[in-house]
């Protein structure tokens, strides 16, 4: 059974095609090479397990910006860090300092804060140890197999 621990997470997304994707009323995101990382928090009911499960599948009725992107990307898994600290804003900015990092659509996932975006495009996704060092917290990788059913850490 999955844990309902709360924390912050990174969803790794691999675009399955190139081209424009409409992200609700936010605008058009152009998929063009590289990989994408989405930063989020799961501090409410269900915690990390529920949020990673949600992002691991396509939403019947899109609600979040990521729900509009999901049908166009494969999700191999998520990195998670447990804790009640609200880290996603700091993480988004730190990830933006990686070589070759960019924010492919302004305000994606960040319409309620002053971050440039919570979605980043990277030429290459760093290893878990490098991400942990950059973000200053131990990260645990959770594969999407079985819809994150083996989430224990």
C-alpha atoms as a PDB file:
ATOM      1  CA  UNK A   1       0.000   0.000   0.000  1.00  0.00           C
ATOM      2  CA  UNK A   2       1.211   3.478  -0.744  1.00  0.00           C
ATOM      3  CA  UNK A   3       2.179   5.963   1.918  1.00  0.00           C
ATOM      4  CA  UNK A   4       0.261   9.225   2.268  1.00  0.00           C
ATOM      5  CA  UNK A   5       3.353  11.190   3.330  1.00  0.00           C
ATOM      6  CA  UNK A   6       3.432  14.766   2.167  1.00  0.00           C
ATOM      7  CA  UNK A   7       6.240  16.567   0.393  1.00  0.00           C
ATOM      8  CA  UNK A   8       7.576  18.006  -2.844  1.00  0.00           C
ATOM      9  CA  UNK A   9       8.053  16.153  -6.116  1.00  0.00           C
ATOM     10  CA  UNK A  10       9.524  16.356  -9.602  1.00  0.00           C
ATOM     11  CA  UNK A  11       7.720  14.631 -12.466  1.00  0.00           C
ATOM     12  CA  UNK A  12       9.970  13.537 -15.333  1.00  0.00           C
ATOM     13  CA  UNK A  13       8.192  13.907 -18.681  1.00  0.00           C
ATOM     14  CA  UNK A  14       9.432  12.693 -22.045  1.00  0.00           C
ATOM     15  CA  UNK A  15       7.576  14.275 -24.994  1.00  0.00           C
ATOM     16  CA  UNK A  16       6.260  11.723 -27.477  1.00  0.00           C
ATOM     17  CA  UNK A  17       6.184  14.177 -30.399  1.00  0.00           C
ATOM     18  CA  UNK A  18       7.247  17.686 -31.390  1.00  0.00           C
ATOM     19  CA  UNK A  19       4.904  20.553 -32.001  1.00  0.00           C
ATOM     20  CA  UNK A  20       2.358  22.803 -30.319  1.00  0.00           C
ATOM     21  CA  UNK A  21       0.156  21.732 -27.392  1.00  0.00           C
ATOM     22  CA  UNK A  22      -2.612  23.930 -25.998  1.00  0.00           C
ATOM     23  CA  UNK A  23      -2.356  24.225 -22.213  1.00  0.00           C
ATOM     24  CA  UNK A  24      -5.877  25.295 -21.256  1.00  0.00           C
ATOM     25  CA  UNK A  25      -6.230  29.080 -21.191  1.00  0.00           C
ATOM     26  CA  UNK A  26      -2.509  29.525 -20.450  1.00  0.00           C
ATOM     27  CA  UNK A  27      -1.449  29.276 -24.079  1.00  0.00           C
ATOM     28  CA  UNK A  28       0.601  27.116 -26.421  1.00  0.00           C
ATOM     29  CA  UNK A  29       3.568  25.019 -25.293  1.00  0.00           C
ATOM     30  CA  UNK A  30       5.843  23.896 -28.111  1.00  0.00           C
ATOM     31  CA  UNK A  31       7.319  20.446 -27.566  1.00  0.00           C
ATOM     32  CA  UNK A  32      10.768  20.442 -29.133  1.00  0.00           C
ATOM     33  CA  UNK A  33      13.414  18.017 -27.935  1.00  0.00           C
ATOM     34  CA  UNK A  34      14.850  17.439 -24.507  1.00  0.00           C
ATOM     35  CA  UNK A  35      13.003  16.330 -21.419  1.00  0.00           C
ATOM     36  CA  UNK A  36      10.676  18.182 -19.113  1.00  0.00           C
ATOM     37  CA  UNK A  37      10.587  18.388 -15.325  1.00  0.00           C
ATOM     38  CA  UNK A  38       7.510  19.567 -13.471  1.00  0.00           C
ATOM     39  CA  UNK A  39       7.887  20.734  -9.857  1.00  0.00           C
ATOM     40  CA  UNK A  40       4.968  20.407  -7.467  1.00  0.00           C
ATOM     41  CA  UNK A  41       3.981  19.986  -3.873  1.00  0.00           C
ATOM     42  CA  UNK A  42       1.708  17.443  -2.266  1.00  0.00           C
ATOM     43  CA  UNK A  43       0.943  18.837   1.165  1.00  0.00           C
ATOM     44  CA  UNK A  44      -2.766  17.998   1.312  1.00  0.00           C
ATOM     45  CA  UNK A  45      -4.820  14.808   1.665  1.00  0.00           C
ATOM     46  CA  UNK A  46      -3.320  11.775  -0.053  1.00  0.00           C
ATOM     47  CA  UNK A  47       0.096  13.408  -0.187  1.00  0.00           C
ATOM     48  CA  UNK A  48       2.839  12.320  -2.545  1.00  0.00           C
ATOM     49  CA  UNK A  49       1.297   8.978  -3.419  1.00  0.00           C
ATOM     50  CA  UNK A  50      -1.981  10.442  -4.657  1.00  0.00           C
ATOM     51  CA  UNK A  51      -0.339  13.284  -6.552  1.00  0.00           C
ATOM     52  CA  UNK A  52       2.202  11.043  -8.296  1.00  0.00           C
ATOM     53  CA  UNK A  53      -0.564   8.599  -9.224  1.00  0.00           C
ATOM     54  CA  UNK A  54      -2.598  11.467 -10.674  1.00  0.00           C
ATOM     55  CA  UNK A  55       0.298  12.755 -12.767  1.00  0.00           C
ATOM     56  CA  UNK A  56       1.156   9.226 -13.885  1.00  0.00           C
ATOM     57  CA  UNK A  57      -2.088   8.935 -15.848  1.00  0.00           C
ATOM     58  CA  UNK A  58      -4.100  11.101 -18.201  1.00  0.00           C
ATOM     59  CA  UNK A  59      -6.880  13.099 -16.547  1.00  0.00           C
ATOM     60  CA  UNK A  60     -10.399  12.594 -17.885  1.00  0.00           C
ATOM     61  CA  UNK A  61     -11.122  16.277 -17.216  1.00  0.00           C
ATOM     62  CA  UNK A  62      -7.976  18.415 -17.148  1.00  0.00           C
ATOM     63  CA  UNK A  63      -7.678  20.675 -14.112  1.00  0.00           C
ATOM     64  CA  UNK A  64      -3.988  21.524 -13.654  1.00  0.00           C
ATOM     65  CA  UNK A  65      -1.703  22.765 -16.421  1.00  0.00           C
ATOM     66  CA  UNK A  66       0.118  19.435 -16.306  1.00  0.00           C
ATOM     67  CA  UNK A  67      -3.134  17.590 -17.050  1.00  0.00           C
ATOM     68  CA  UNK A  68      -3.185  19.244 -20.496  1.00  0.00           C
ATOM     69  CA  UNK A  69       0.415  18.212 -21.205  1.00  0.00           C
ATOM     70  CA  UNK A  70       0.193  14.602 -19.983  1.00  0.00           C
ATOM     71  CA  UNK A  71      -1.437  13.082 -23.112  1.00  0.00           C
ATOM     72  CA  UNK A  72       1.618  14.221 -25.092  1.00  0.00           C
ATOM     73  CA  UNK A  73       4.321  12.843 -22.784  1.00  0.00           C
ATOM     74  CA  UNK A  74       5.469   9.611 -21.233  1.00  0.00           C
ATOM     75  CA  UNK A  75       6.065   9.698 -17.460  1.00  0.00           C
ATOM     76  CA  UNK A  76       8.790   7.272 -16.392  1.00  0.00           C
ATOM     77  CA  UNK A  77       8.462   8.371 -12.762  1.00  0.00           C
ATOM     78  CA  UNK A  78       8.872  11.018 -10.077  1.00  0.00           C
ATOM     79  CA  UNK A  79      11.494  12.107  -7.597  1.00  0.00           C
ATOM     80  CA  UNK A  80      10.053  12.807  -4.164  1.00  0.00           C
ATOM     81  CA  UNK A  81      11.240  14.461  -0.959  1.00  0.00           C
ATOM     82  CA  UNK A  82       9.106  14.081   2.133  1.00  0.00           C
ATOM     83  CA  UNK A  83       8.428  16.945   4.497  1.00  0.00           C
ATOM     84  CA  UNK A  84       6.010  19.774   5.144  1.00  0.00           C
ATOM     85  CA  UNK A  85       8.289  22.563   3.892  1.00  0.00           C
ATOM     86  CA  UNK A  86       6.970  24.323   0.784  1.00  0.00           C
ATOM     87  CA  UNK A  87       9.969  23.740  -1.522  1.00  0.00           C
ATOM     88  CA  UNK A  88       8.573  23.866  -5.052  1.00  0.00           C
ATOM     89  CA  UNK A  89       9.309  27.572  -5.610  1.00  0.00           C
ATOM     90  CA  UNK A  90      12.956  27.295  -4.554  1.00  0.00           C
ATOM     91  CA  UNK A  91      13.323  24.090  -6.572  1.00  0.00           C
ATOM     92  CA  UNK A  92      11.935  25.672  -9.754  1.00  0.00           C
ATOM     93  CA  UNK A  93      14.439  28.500  -9.518  1.00  0.00           C
ATOM     94  CA  UNK A  94      17.360  26.170  -8.722  1.00  0.00           C
ATOM     95  CA  UNK A  95      16.504  23.852 -11.615  1.00  0.00           C
ATOM     96  CA  UNK A  96      16.506  26.902 -13.867  1.00  0.00           C
ATOM     97  CA  UNK A  97      20.232  27.321 -13.133  1.00  0.00           C
ATOM     98  CA  UNK A  98      21.137  23.969 -14.713  1.00  0.00           C
ATOM     99  CA  UNK A  99      23.125  24.244 -17.956  1.00  0.00           C
ATOM    100  CA  UNK A 100      20.738  24.385 -20.909  1.00  0.00           C
ATOM    101  CA  UNK A 101      17.613  24.682 -18.698  1.00  0.00           C
ATOM    102  CA  UNK A 102      14.725  26.805 -19.921  1.00  0.00           C
ATOM    103  CA  UNK A 103      11.117  27.557 -19.046  1.00  0.00           C
ATOM    104  CA  UNK A 104       9.211  26.542 -22.194  1.00  0.00           C
ATOM    105  CA  UNK A 105       5.953  28.308 -21.233  1.00  0.00           C
ATOM    106  CA  UNK A 106       5.801  31.204 -18.797  1.00  0.00           C
ATOM    107  CA  UNK A 107       3.557  30.691 -15.747  1.00  0.00           C
ATOM    108  CA  UNK A 108       3.086  26.921 -16.375  1.00  0.00           C
ATOM    109  CA  UNK A 109       2.101  25.522 -12.970  1.00  0.00           C
ATOM    110  CA  UNK A 110       2.916  28.827 -11.289  1.00  0.00           C
ATOM    111  CA  UNK A 111      -0.122  31.017 -11.806  1.00  0.00           C
ATOM    112  CA  UNK A 112      -0.452  31.355  -8.012  1.00  0.00           C
ATOM    113  CA  UNK A 113       3.151  32.466  -7.320  1.00  0.00           C
ATOM    114  CA  UNK A 114       5.888  34.648  -8.780  1.00  0.00           C
ATOM    115  CA  UNK A 115       8.014  31.824 -10.218  1.00  0.00           C
ATOM    116  CA  UNK A 116       8.773  32.012 -13.976  1.00  0.00           C
ATOM    117  CA  UNK A 117       7.186  28.530 -14.263  1.00  0.00           C
ATOM    118  CA  UNK A 118       7.169  25.144 -12.549  1.00  0.00           C
ATOM    119  CA  UNK A 119       7.893  23.330 -15.828  1.00  0.00           C
ATOM    120  CA  UNK A 120      11.442  23.253 -17.151  1.00  0.00           C
ATOM    121  CA  UNK A 121      12.981  21.891 -20.318  1.00  0.00           C
ATOM    122  CA  UNK A 122      16.366  20.226 -19.929  1.00  0.00           C
ATOM    123  CA  UNK A 123      18.648  18.891 -22.611  1.00  0.00           C
ATOM    124  CA  UNK A 124      19.415  15.951 -20.347  1.00  0.00           C
ATOM    125  CA  UNK A 125      17.931  14.974 -16.994  1.00  0.00           C
ATOM    126  CA  UNK A 126      20.527  14.901 -14.193  1.00  0.00           C
ATOM    127  CA  UNK A 127      21.081  11.815 -12.067  1.00  0.00           C
ATOM    128  CA  UNK A 128      19.292  11.557  -8.720  1.00  0.00           C
ATOM    129  CA  UNK A 129      22.465  12.336  -6.726  1.00  0.00           C
ATOM    130  CA  UNK A 130      23.100  15.517  -8.742  1.00  0.00           C
ATOM    131  CA  UNK A 131      19.498  16.657  -8.325  1.00  0.00           C
ATOM    132  CA  UNK A 132      19.645  15.963  -4.576  1.00  0.00           C
ATOM    133  CA  UNK A 133      22.835  18.005  -4.268  1.00  0.00           C
ATOM    134  CA  UNK A 134      21.393  20.924  -6.252  1.00  0.00           C
ATOM    135  CA  UNK A 135      18.114  20.946  -4.324  1.00  0.00           C
ATOM    136  CA  UNK A 136      19.739  20.321  -0.928  1.00  0.00           C
ATOM    137  CA  UNK A 137      17.511  17.429   0.066  1.00  0.00           C
ATOM    138  CA  UNK A 138      17.621  13.642  -0.411  1.00  0.00           C
ATOM    139  CA  UNK A 139      15.416  12.616  -3.322  1.00  0.00           C
ATOM    140  CA  UNK A 140      13.934   9.186  -3.892  1.00  0.00           C
ATOM    141  CA  UNK A 141      13.117   8.016  -7.438  1.00  0.00           C
ATOM    142  CA  UNK A 142       9.783   6.267  -7.901  1.00  0.00           C
ATOM    143  CA  UNK A 143       9.112   4.508 -11.188  1.00  0.00           C
ATOM    144  CA  UNK A 144       5.664   4.799 -12.732  1.00  0.00           C
ATOM    145  CA  UNK A 145       5.194   1.056 -13.165  1.00  0.00           C
ATOM    146  CA  UNK A 146       2.035  -0.143 -11.517  1.00  0.00           C
ATOM    147  CA  UNK A 147       0.862   3.490 -11.269  1.00  0.00           C
ATOM    148  CA  UNK A 148       3.285   4.166  -8.387  1.00  0.00           C
ATOM    149  CA  UNK A 149       1.850   1.327  -6.325  1.00  0.00           C
ATOM    150  CA  UNK A 150       5.306   0.554  -4.919  1.00  0.00           C
ATOM    151  CA  UNK A 151       5.923   3.955  -3.410  1.00  0.00           C
ATOM    152  CA  UNK A 152       7.459   3.043  -0.048  1.00  0.00           C
ATOM    153  CA  UNK A 153      10.794   4.639   0.764  1.00  0.00           C
END
